[in-house]
Amino acid sequence: MDQRDTAGYGGCGLALAGAVTALLVWSASRRTDRHMGGGFEGAGRDLSVLWTELPLVLLAGALVPSAAWLLALRLLKGRGPAGARVPAAAVCAAGVLALSAWGLHSWANPDLGTVRLSGSVGSDLHL
């Protein structure tokens, strides 16, 4: 297997890992639980998230790490030994995948208890 095959298989594997990670983070969130009937006897059930949020989450989960993988491979082309490009791109894409999962988790699990609307900027800075 040559360098080009490794890069191609790595990109496909990373897209799959990103989509699965995004699905797991999204499905375990409080936001999704609330929309999928987390209330009493299914009160507040909103199944529209299955055709609005879910496809976008899966698409972003697959495309964002793959784009980082491709960008890292392109930027590292012609620099250093050829065998070091794929591991360096993998580390870069894994970091982007981790940051994307953290961002999705932060968006899907808002912590509304810490938001204060006191009217004073100084009291909200937690100095």
Protein backbone atom coordinates (compact mmCIF):
# COMPACT_ATOMS: atom_id res chain seq x y z
CA MET A 1 0.00 0.00 0.00
CA ASP A 2 1.49 3.31 -1.03
CA GLN A 3 1.25 6.75 0.53
CA ARG A 4 -1.72 7.79 -1.62
CA ASP A 5 -3.81 4.76 -0.58
CA THR A 6 -3.01 5.39 3.07
CA ALA A 7 -4.10 9.00 2.78
CA GLY A 8 -7.34 8.01 1.03
CA TYR A 9 -8.25 5.29 3.52
CA GLY A 10 -7.35 7.59 6.39
CA GLY A 11 -9.64 10.32 5.09
CA CYS A 12 -12.56 7.91 4.68
CA GLY A 13 -11.98 6.43 8.13
CA LEU A 14 -11.78 9.89 9.63
CA ALA A 15 -15.09 10.89 7.98
CA LEU A 16 -16.74 7.80 9.45
CA ALA A 17 -15.24 8.43 12.90
CA GLY A 18 -16.33 12.07 12.78
CA ALA A 19 -19.91 11.21 11.81
CA VAL A 20 -20.19 8.54 14.52
CA THR A 21 -18.68 10.85 17.15
CA ALA A 22 -21.04 13.68 16.18
CA LEU A 23 -24.03 11.31 16.32
CA LEU A 24 -23.06 10.04 19.76
CA VAL A 25 -22.43 13.51 21.20
CA TRP A 26 -25.66 14.89 19.70
CA SER A 27 -27.84 11.97 20.79
CA ALA A 28 -26.55 12.08 24.38
CA SER A 29 -27.23 15.80 24.81
CA ARG A 30 -29.87 17.44 26.98
CA ARG A 31 -31.10 19.40 23.97
CA THR A 32 -31.87 16.24 22.00
CA ASP A 33 -33.40 14.57 25.05
CA ARG A 34 -35.72 17.54 25.50
CA HIS A 35 -36.80 17.47 21.83
CA MET A 36 -37.22 13.71 21.66
CA GLY A 37 -39.72 13.56 24.50
CA GLY A 38 -37.76 13.97 27.69
CA GLY A 39 -40.79 15.59 29.33
CA PHE A 40 -43.62 13.95 31.23
CA GLU A 41 -45.45 11.42 29.02
CA GLY A 42 -43.78 12.72 25.88
CA ALA A 43 -44.84 16.32 26.45
CA GLY A 44 -42.85 18.69 24.31
CA ARG A 45 -41.90 16.04 21.75
CA ASP A 46 -40.50 17.66 18.63
CA LEU A 47 -39.40 15.08 16.08
CA SER A 48 -38.48 17.73 13.53
CA VAL A 49 -34.93 17.59 14.90
CA LEU A 50 -34.55 14.26 13.08
CA TRP A 51 -34.71 15.98 9.69
CA THR A 52 -33.32 19.38 10.63
CA GLU A 53 -30.51 18.99 13.16
CA LEU A 54 -29.49 15.36 12.67
CA PRO A 55 -28.46 15.57 8.99
CA LEU A 56 -26.50 18.76 9.61
CA VAL A 57 -24.75 17.25 12.64
CA LEU A 58 -23.81 14.12 10.66
CA LEU A 59 -22.65 16.15 7.66
CA ALA A 60 -20.53 18.49 9.77
CA GLY A 61 -19.15 15.55 11.74
CA ALA A 62 -18.01 13.90 8.52
CA LEU A 63 -16.80 16.98 6.65
CA VAL A 64 -14.98 19.09 9.24
CA PRO A 65 -12.33 16.50 10.27
CA SER A 66 -11.96 15.37 6.64
CA ALA A 67 -11.36 18.96 5.54
CA ALA A 68 -8.70 19.34 8.25
CA TRP A 69 -7.11 16.07 7.07
CA LEU A 70 -7.03 17.23 3.45
CA LEU A 71 -5.76 20.69 4.36
CA ALA A 72 -2.97 19.24 6.52
CA LEU A 73 -1.92 16.86 3.73
CA ARG A 74 -1.88 19.69 1.20
CA LEU A 75 0.08 22.04 3.47
CA LEU A 76 2.64 19.35 4.29
CA LYS A 77 3.16 18.33 0.65
CA GLY A 78 6.83 18.54 -0.24
CA ARG A 79 7.94 19.21 3.36
CA GLY A 80 9.89 16.64 5.28
CA PRO A 81 9.91 12.90 4.67
CA ALA A 82 6.96 11.44 2.78
CA GLY A 83 6.17 8.95 5.57
CA ALA A 84 5.68 11.74 8.13
CA ARG A 85 2.85 13.50 6.27
CA VAL A 86 0.11 11.01 7.11
CA PRO A 87 0.81 10.79 10.88
CA ALA A 88 1.11 14.58 11.13
CA ALA A 89 -2.16 15.04 9.24
CA ALA A 90 -3.79 12.41 11.48
CA VAL A 91 -2.76 14.27 14.62
CA CYS A 92 -4.06 17.54 13.18
CA ALA A 93 -7.38 15.99 12.13
CA ALA A 94 -7.79 14.23 15.48
CA GLY A 95 -7.35 17.57 17.22
CA VAL A 96 -9.97 19.16 14.98
CA LEU A 97 -12.30 16.21 15.65
CA ALA A 98 -11.86 16.65 19.41
CA LEU A 99 -12.49 20.41 19.19
CA SER A 100 -15.56 19.81 17.02
CA ALA A 101 -16.96 17.29 19.50
CA TRP A 102 -16.36 19.74 22.35
CA GLY A 103 -18.06 22.54 20.40
CA LEU A 104 -21.07 20.34 19.60
CA HIS A 105 -21.30 19.27 23.24
CA SER A 106 -21.18 22.91 24.37
CA TRP A 107 -23.88 23.91 21.89
CA ALA A 108 -26.17 20.96 22.65
CA ASN A 109 -25.83 21.24 26.44
CA PRO A 110 -26.26 24.92 27.27
CA ASP A 111 -25.57 25.78 30.88
CA LEU A 112 -28.29 28.34 31.44
CA GLY A 113 -27.75 28.45 35.19
CA THR A 114 -24.60 30.58 34.90
CA VAL A 115 -26.06 33.28 32.67
CA ARG A 116 -26.78 36.38 34.71
CA LEU A 117 -28.45 39.43 33.34
CA SER A 118 -27.55 41.79 36.15
CA GLY A 119 -27.13 44.85 33.99
CA SER A 120 -23.64 45.37 35.38
CA VAL A 121 -20.67 44.25 33.28
CA GLY A 122 -18.32 44.01 36.25
CA SER A 123 -20.39 41.49 38.19
CA ASP A 124 -20.60 39.07 35.24
CA LEU A 125 -16.84 38.83 34.63
CA HIS A 126 -16.11 36.53 37.62
CA LEU A 127 -12.91 38.34 38.50
